[in-house]
Amino acid sequence: MTDFSKITTKFTPMIHHIIRSLSIYKNKEEYFQVGLIALWESYRNFNADQGQFHNYAYTVIKGRIMNELKNHHKYETNNKPYDAVNLEIIDPLSIHEEAFKNENLLTYTEGLTLNQQRWLLQTYLQNKTVTEIAYIYQVSPSAVKSWRKSALVKLRRQLQVDCK
């Protein structure tokens, strides 16, 4: 292992040179580590019959660092980080806002009974609770819950048919 320690000290300036020649200014330590790993692999795989170790190591190290740069660039372009400003702008309810507009909500009432329609419209247009709806229509809260349950079953069936 002492042989590789000597090689590491000898080739460290080369790795730094390759990093500078590729204009790497962020994560230099990470790319230096990639260069050291490439140096180790080139040390293990080198065949003296095929040429000088210096040239072989340079090619392997530079190629490995360039591959790492390419992979890092691909990751950054495909995965944009969200900052706090963007997260504050996104309203969690805005995703489903379109589904609850008056025109769209009325299309969901097709196929529902009168009481199921009452529950749907009172809940999503008037923001009424089960108890408030029961009071308006002079029924028990359990009756309104029954309307809700059967309406949701029908709506789920409609949505499954529409998706297929």
C-alpha atoms as a PDB file:
ATOM      1  CA  MET A   1       0.000   0.000   0.000  1.00  0.00           C
ATOM      2  CA  THR A   2       2.981   2.311   0.460  1.00  0.00           C
ATOM      3  CA  ASP A   3       3.384   2.282  -3.314  1.00  0.00           C
ATOM      4  CA  PHE A   4      -0.051   3.798  -3.779  1.00  0.00           C
ATOM      5  CA  SER A   5       0.646   6.408  -1.077  1.00  0.00           C
ATOM      6  CA  LYS A   6       3.661   7.550  -3.058  1.00  0.00           C
ATOM      7  CA  ILE A   7       1.628   7.570  -6.274  1.00  0.00           C
ATOM      8  CA  THR A   8      -1.095   9.607  -4.550  1.00  0.00           C
ATOM      9  CA  THR A   9       1.374  12.271  -3.457  1.00  0.00           C
ATOM     10  CA  LYS A  10       2.954  12.276  -6.899  1.00  0.00           C
ATOM     11  CA  PHE A  11      -0.354  12.554  -8.811  1.00  0.00           C
ATOM     12  CA  THR A  12      -2.242  14.939  -6.494  1.00  0.00           C
ATOM     13  CA  PRO A  13      -1.054  17.998  -8.478  1.00  0.00           C
ATOM     14  CA  MET A  14      -2.264  16.304 -11.668  1.00  0.00           C
ATOM     15  CA  ILE A  15      -5.750  15.805 -10.203  1.00  0.00           C
ATOM     16  CA  HIS A  16      -5.837  19.467  -9.135  1.00  0.00           C
ATOM     17  CA  HIS A  17      -4.688  20.489 -12.613  1.00  0.00           C
ATOM     18  CA  ILE A  18      -7.488  18.466 -14.234  1.00  0.00           C
ATOM     19  CA  ILE A  19     -10.044  20.039 -11.888  1.00  0.00           C
ATOM     20  CA  ARG A  20      -8.796  23.536 -12.791  1.00  0.00           C
ATOM     21  CA  SER A  21      -8.674  22.743 -16.520  1.00  0.00           C
ATOM     22  CA  LEU A  22     -12.340  21.686 -16.390  1.00  0.00           C
ATOM     23  CA  SER A  23     -13.223  24.968 -14.612  1.00  0.00           C
ATOM     24  CA  ILE A  24     -14.653  23.225 -11.587  1.00  0.00           C
ATOM     25  CA  TYR A  25     -15.207  25.728  -8.792  1.00  0.00           C
ATOM     26  CA  LYS A  26     -17.953  24.053  -6.760  1.00  0.00           C
ATOM     27  CA  ASN A  27     -17.524  20.807  -4.830  1.00  0.00           C
ATOM     28  CA  LYS A  28     -13.791  20.613  -5.550  1.00  0.00           C
ATOM     29  CA  GLU A  29     -13.279  18.113  -2.737  1.00  0.00           C
ATOM     30  CA  GLU A  30     -15.901  15.814  -4.219  1.00  0.00           C
ATOM     31  CA  TYR A  31     -14.241  15.875  -7.639  1.00  0.00           C
ATOM     32  CA  PHE A  32     -10.822  15.428  -6.048  1.00  0.00           C
ATOM     33  CA  GLN A  33     -12.157  12.305  -4.357  1.00  0.00           C
ATOM     34  CA  VAL A  34     -13.464  11.048  -7.718  1.00  0.00           C
ATOM     35  CA  GLY A  35      -9.992  11.695  -9.126  1.00  0.00           C
ATOM     36  CA  LEU A  36      -8.354   9.705  -6.331  1.00  0.00           C
ATOM     37  CA  ILE A  37     -10.708   6.781  -6.904  1.00  0.00           C
ATOM     38  CA  ALA A  38      -9.934   6.912 -10.627  1.00  0.00           C
ATOM     39  CA  LEU A  39      -6.209   6.989  -9.792  1.00  0.00           C
ATOM     40  CA  TRP A  40      -6.633   3.892  -7.628  1.00  0.00           C
ATOM     41  CA  GLU A  41      -8.508   2.059 -10.381  1.00  0.00           C
ATOM     42  CA  SER A  42      -5.948   3.053 -12.988  1.00  0.00           C
ATOM     43  CA  TYR A  43      -3.173   1.873 -10.625  1.00  0.00           C
ATOM     44  CA  ARG A  44      -4.866  -1.504 -10.235  1.00  0.00           C
ATOM     45  CA  ASN A  45      -5.747  -1.925 -13.940  1.00  0.00           C
ATOM     46  CA  PHE A  46      -2.547  -0.588 -15.507  1.00  0.00           C
ATOM     47  CA  ASN A  47      -0.695  -2.838 -17.942  1.00  0.00           C
ATOM     48  CA  ALA A  48       2.927  -1.750 -18.484  1.00  0.00           C
ATOM     49  CA  ASP A  49       2.969  -3.299 -21.972  1.00  0.00           C
ATOM     50  CA  GLN A  50       0.411  -0.745 -23.230  1.00  0.00           C
ATOM     51  CA  GLY A  51       2.275   2.488 -22.462  1.00  0.00           C
ATOM     52  CA  GLN A  52       3.264   4.853 -19.685  1.00  0.00           C
ATOM     53  CA  PHE A  53       1.327   4.978 -16.440  1.00  0.00           C
ATOM     54  CA  HIS A  54       1.327   8.779 -16.402  1.00  0.00           C
ATOM     55  CA  ASN A  55      -0.630   9.022 -19.674  1.00  0.00           C
ATOM     56  CA  TYR A  56      -3.009   6.205 -18.725  1.00  0.00           C
ATOM     57  CA  ALA A  57      -3.742   7.711 -15.295  1.00  0.00           C
ATOM     58  CA  TYR A  58      -4.357  11.174 -16.772  1.00  0.00           C
ATOM     59  CA  THR A  59      -6.875   9.804 -19.282  1.00  0.00           C
ATOM     60  CA  VAL A  60      -8.718   7.703 -16.706  1.00  0.00           C
ATOM     61  CA  ILE A  61      -8.875  10.491 -14.108  1.00  0.00           C
ATOM     62  CA  LYS A  62     -10.034  13.154 -16.546  1.00  0.00           C
ATOM     63  CA  GLY A  63     -12.638  10.824 -18.057  1.00  0.00           C
ATOM     64  CA  ARG A  64     -14.015   9.870 -14.650  1.00  0.00           C
ATOM     65  CA  ILE A  65     -14.237  13.495 -13.493  1.00  0.00           C
ATOM     66  CA  MET A  66     -15.940  14.494 -16.736  1.00  0.00           C
ATOM     67  CA  ASN A  67     -18.476  11.665 -16.290  1.00  0.00           C
ATOM     68  CA  GLU A  68     -19.152  12.901 -12.752  1.00  0.00           C
ATOM     69  CA  LEU A  69     -19.624  16.447 -14.059  1.00  0.00           C
ATOM     70  CA  LYS A  70     -22.055  15.188 -16.697  1.00  0.00           C
ATOM     71  CA  ASN A  71     -24.064  13.202 -14.145  1.00  0.00           C
ATOM     72  CA  HIS A  72     -24.128  16.132 -11.733  1.00  0.00           C
ATOM     73  CA  HIS A  73     -25.285  18.489 -14.491  1.00  0.00           C
ATOM     74  CA  LYS A  74     -28.010  16.058 -15.549  1.00  0.00           C
ATOM     75  CA  TYR A  75     -29.216  15.791 -11.956  1.00  0.00           C
ATOM     76  CA  GLU A  76     -29.308  19.576 -11.503  1.00  0.00           C
ATOM     77  CA  THR A  77     -31.233  20.167 -14.725  1.00  0.00           C
ATOM     78  CA  ASN A  78     -33.828  17.494 -13.957  1.00  0.00           C
ATOM     79  CA  ASN A  79     -34.263  18.315 -10.254  1.00  0.00           C
ATOM     80  CA  LYS A  80     -34.924  21.980  -9.616  1.00  0.00           C
ATOM     81  CA  PRO A  81     -34.925  22.805  -5.895  1.00  0.00           C
ATOM     82  CA  TYR A  82     -37.841  24.736  -4.448  1.00  0.00           C
ATOM     83  CA  ASP A  83     -36.941  27.737  -2.394  1.00  0.00           C
ATOM     84  CA  ALA A  84     -39.037  29.150   0.415  1.00  0.00           C
ATOM     85  CA  VAL A  85     -40.475  31.899  -1.794  1.00  0.00           C
ATOM     86  CA  ASN A  86     -41.862  29.427  -4.317  1.00  0.00           C
ATOM     87  CA  LEU A  87     -43.349  27.266  -1.584  1.00  0.00           C
ATOM     88  CA  GLU A  88     -45.180  30.236  -0.088  1.00  0.00           C
ATOM     89  CA  ILE A  89     -46.676  31.105  -3.472  1.00  0.00           C
ATOM     90  CA  ILE A  90     -48.107  27.617  -3.983  1.00  0.00           C
ATOM     91  CA  ASP A  91     -51.501  27.330  -2.379  1.00  0.00           C
ATOM     92  CA  PRO A  92     -52.215  23.722  -1.401  1.00  0.00           C
ATOM     93  CA  LEU A  93     -55.872  24.135  -2.358  1.00  0.00           C
ATOM     94  CA  SER A  94     -55.131  25.734  -5.733  1.00  0.00           C
ATOM     95  CA  ILE A  95     -54.418  22.322  -7.218  1.00  0.00           C
ATOM     96  CA  HIS A  96     -58.041  21.273  -6.704  1.00  0.00           C
ATOM     97  CA  GLU A  97     -59.503  24.730  -7.227  1.00  0.00           C
ATOM     98  CA  GLU A  98     -60.618  23.983 -10.777  1.00  0.00           C
ATOM     99  CA  ALA A  99     -62.611  20.941  -9.660  1.00  0.00           C
ATOM    100  CA  PHE A 100     -64.660  22.996  -7.205  1.00  0.00           C
ATOM    101  CA  LYS A 101     -65.709  25.853  -9.487  1.00  0.00           C
ATOM    102  CA  ASN A 102     -69.469  26.283  -9.742  1.00  0.00           C
ATOM    103  CA  GLU A 103     -69.749  25.056 -13.341  1.00  0.00           C
ATOM    104  CA  ASN A 104     -67.649  21.964 -12.685  1.00  0.00           C
ATOM    105  CA  LEU A 105     -69.364  21.217  -9.406  1.00  0.00           C
ATOM    106  CA  LEU A 106     -72.765  21.229 -11.092  1.00  0.00           C
ATOM    107  CA  THR A 107     -71.593  18.560 -13.553  1.00  0.00           C
ATOM    108  CA  TYR A 108     -70.910  16.266 -10.602  1.00  0.00           C
ATOM    109  CA  THR A 109     -74.547  16.474  -9.504  1.00  0.00           C
ATOM    110  CA  GLU A 110     -75.725  14.524 -12.551  1.00  0.00           C
ATOM    111  CA  GLY A 111     -76.883  11.104 -11.458  1.00  0.00           C
ATOM    112  CA  LEU A 112     -77.288  12.090  -7.799  1.00  0.00           C
ATOM    113  CA  THR A 113     -80.564  12.190  -5.916  1.00  0.00           C
ATOM    114  CA  LEU A 114     -81.980  15.507  -4.705  1.00  0.00           C
ATOM    115  CA  ASN A 115     -80.682  14.988  -1.160  1.00  0.00           C
ATOM    116  CA  GLN A 116     -77.228  13.976  -2.403  1.00  0.00           C
ATOM    117  CA  GLN A 117     -77.145  17.104  -4.567  1.00  0.00           C
ATOM    118  CA  ARG A 118     -78.154  19.197  -1.569  1.00  0.00           C
ATOM    119  CA  TRP A 119     -75.296  17.767   0.484  1.00  0.00           C
ATOM    120  CA  LEU A 120     -72.747  18.295  -2.316  1.00  0.00           C
ATOM    121  CA  LEU A 121     -73.749  21.870  -3.106  1.00  0.00           C
ATOM    122  CA  GLN A 122     -74.183  22.965   0.504  1.00  0.00           C
ATOM    123  CA  THR A 123     -70.854  21.444   1.501  1.00  0.00           C
ATOM    124  CA  TYR A 124     -68.693  22.764  -1.346  1.00  0.00           C
ATOM    125  CA  LEU A 125     -70.452  25.968  -2.355  1.00  0.00           C
ATOM    126  CA  GLN A 126     -71.760  27.187   1.003  1.00  0.00           C
ATOM    127  CA  ASN A 127     -69.117  25.558   3.256  1.00  0.00           C
ATOM    128  CA  LYS A 128     -71.814  24.135   5.529  1.00  0.00           C
ATOM    129  CA  THR A 129     -71.183  21.382   8.042  1.00  0.00           C
ATOM    130  CA  VAL A 130     -73.288  18.255   8.376  1.00  0.00           C
ATOM    131  CA  THR A 131     -75.087  19.735  11.376  1.00  0.00           C
ATOM    132  CA  GLU A 132     -75.897  22.981   9.557  1.00  0.00           C
ATOM    133  CA  ILE A 133     -77.248  21.100   6.532  1.00  0.00           C
ATOM    134  CA  ALA A 134     -79.386  18.946   8.814  1.00  0.00           C
ATOM    135  CA  TYR A 135     -80.814  22.072  10.451  1.00  0.00           C
ATOM    136  CA  ILE A 136     -81.591  23.715   7.074  1.00  0.00           C
ATOM    137  CA  TYR A 137     -83.507  20.694   5.737  1.00  0.00           C
ATOM    138  CA  GLN A 138     -85.041  19.697   9.100  1.00  0.00           C
ATOM    139  CA  VAL A 139     -83.466  16.224   9.182  1.00  0.00           C
ATOM    140  CA  SER A 140     -81.078  14.468  11.526  1.00  0.00           C
ATOM    141  CA  PRO A 141     -77.305  14.735  11.073  1.00  0.00           C
ATOM    142  CA  SER A 142     -77.154  10.981  10.483  1.00  0.00           C
ATOM    143  CA  ALA A 143     -79.492  11.427   7.492  1.00  0.00           C
ATOM    144  CA  VAL A 144     -77.109  14.003   6.006  1.00  0.00           C
ATOM    145  CA  LYS A 145     -74.205  11.646   6.637  1.00  0.00           C
ATOM    146  CA  SER A 146     -76.117   8.968   4.746  1.00  0.00           C
ATOM    147  CA  TRP A 147     -76.593  11.377   1.809  1.00  0.00           C
ATOM    148  CA  ARG A 148     -72.871  12.099   1.899  1.00  0.00           C
ATOM    149  CA  LYS A 149     -71.891   8.441   1.970  1.00  0.00           C
ATOM    150  CA  SER A 150     -74.076   7.434  -0.957  1.00  0.00           C
ATOM    151  CA  ALA A 151     -73.101  10.559  -2.931  1.00  0.00           C
ATOM    152  CA  LEU A 152     -69.411   9.795  -2.509  1.00  0.00           C
ATOM    153  CA  VAL A 153     -69.920   6.209  -3.669  1.00  0.00           C
ATOM    154  CA  LYS A 154     -71.671   7.434  -6.826  1.00  0.00           C
ATOM    155  CA  LEU A 155     -69.083  10.139  -7.473  1.00  0.00           C
ATOM    156  CA  ARG A 156     -66.228   7.664  -7.133  1.00  0.00           C
ATOM    157  CA  ARG A 157     -67.925   5.349  -9.623  1.00  0.00           C
ATOM    158  CA  GLN A 158     -68.380   8.240 -12.062  1.00  0.00           C
ATOM    159  CA  LEU A 159     -64.729   9.222 -11.737  1.00  0.00           C
ATOM    160  CA  GLN A 160     -63.556   5.637 -12.275  1.00  0.00           C
ATOM    161  CA  VAL A 161     -65.680   5.353 -15.434  1.00  0.00           C
ATOM    162  CA  ASP A 162     -64.384   8.707 -16.716  1.00  0.00           C
ATOM    163  CA  CYS A 163     -60.746   7.707 -16.124  1.00  0.00           C
ATOM    164  CA  LYS A 164     -61.024   4.459 -18.080  1.00  0.00           C
END
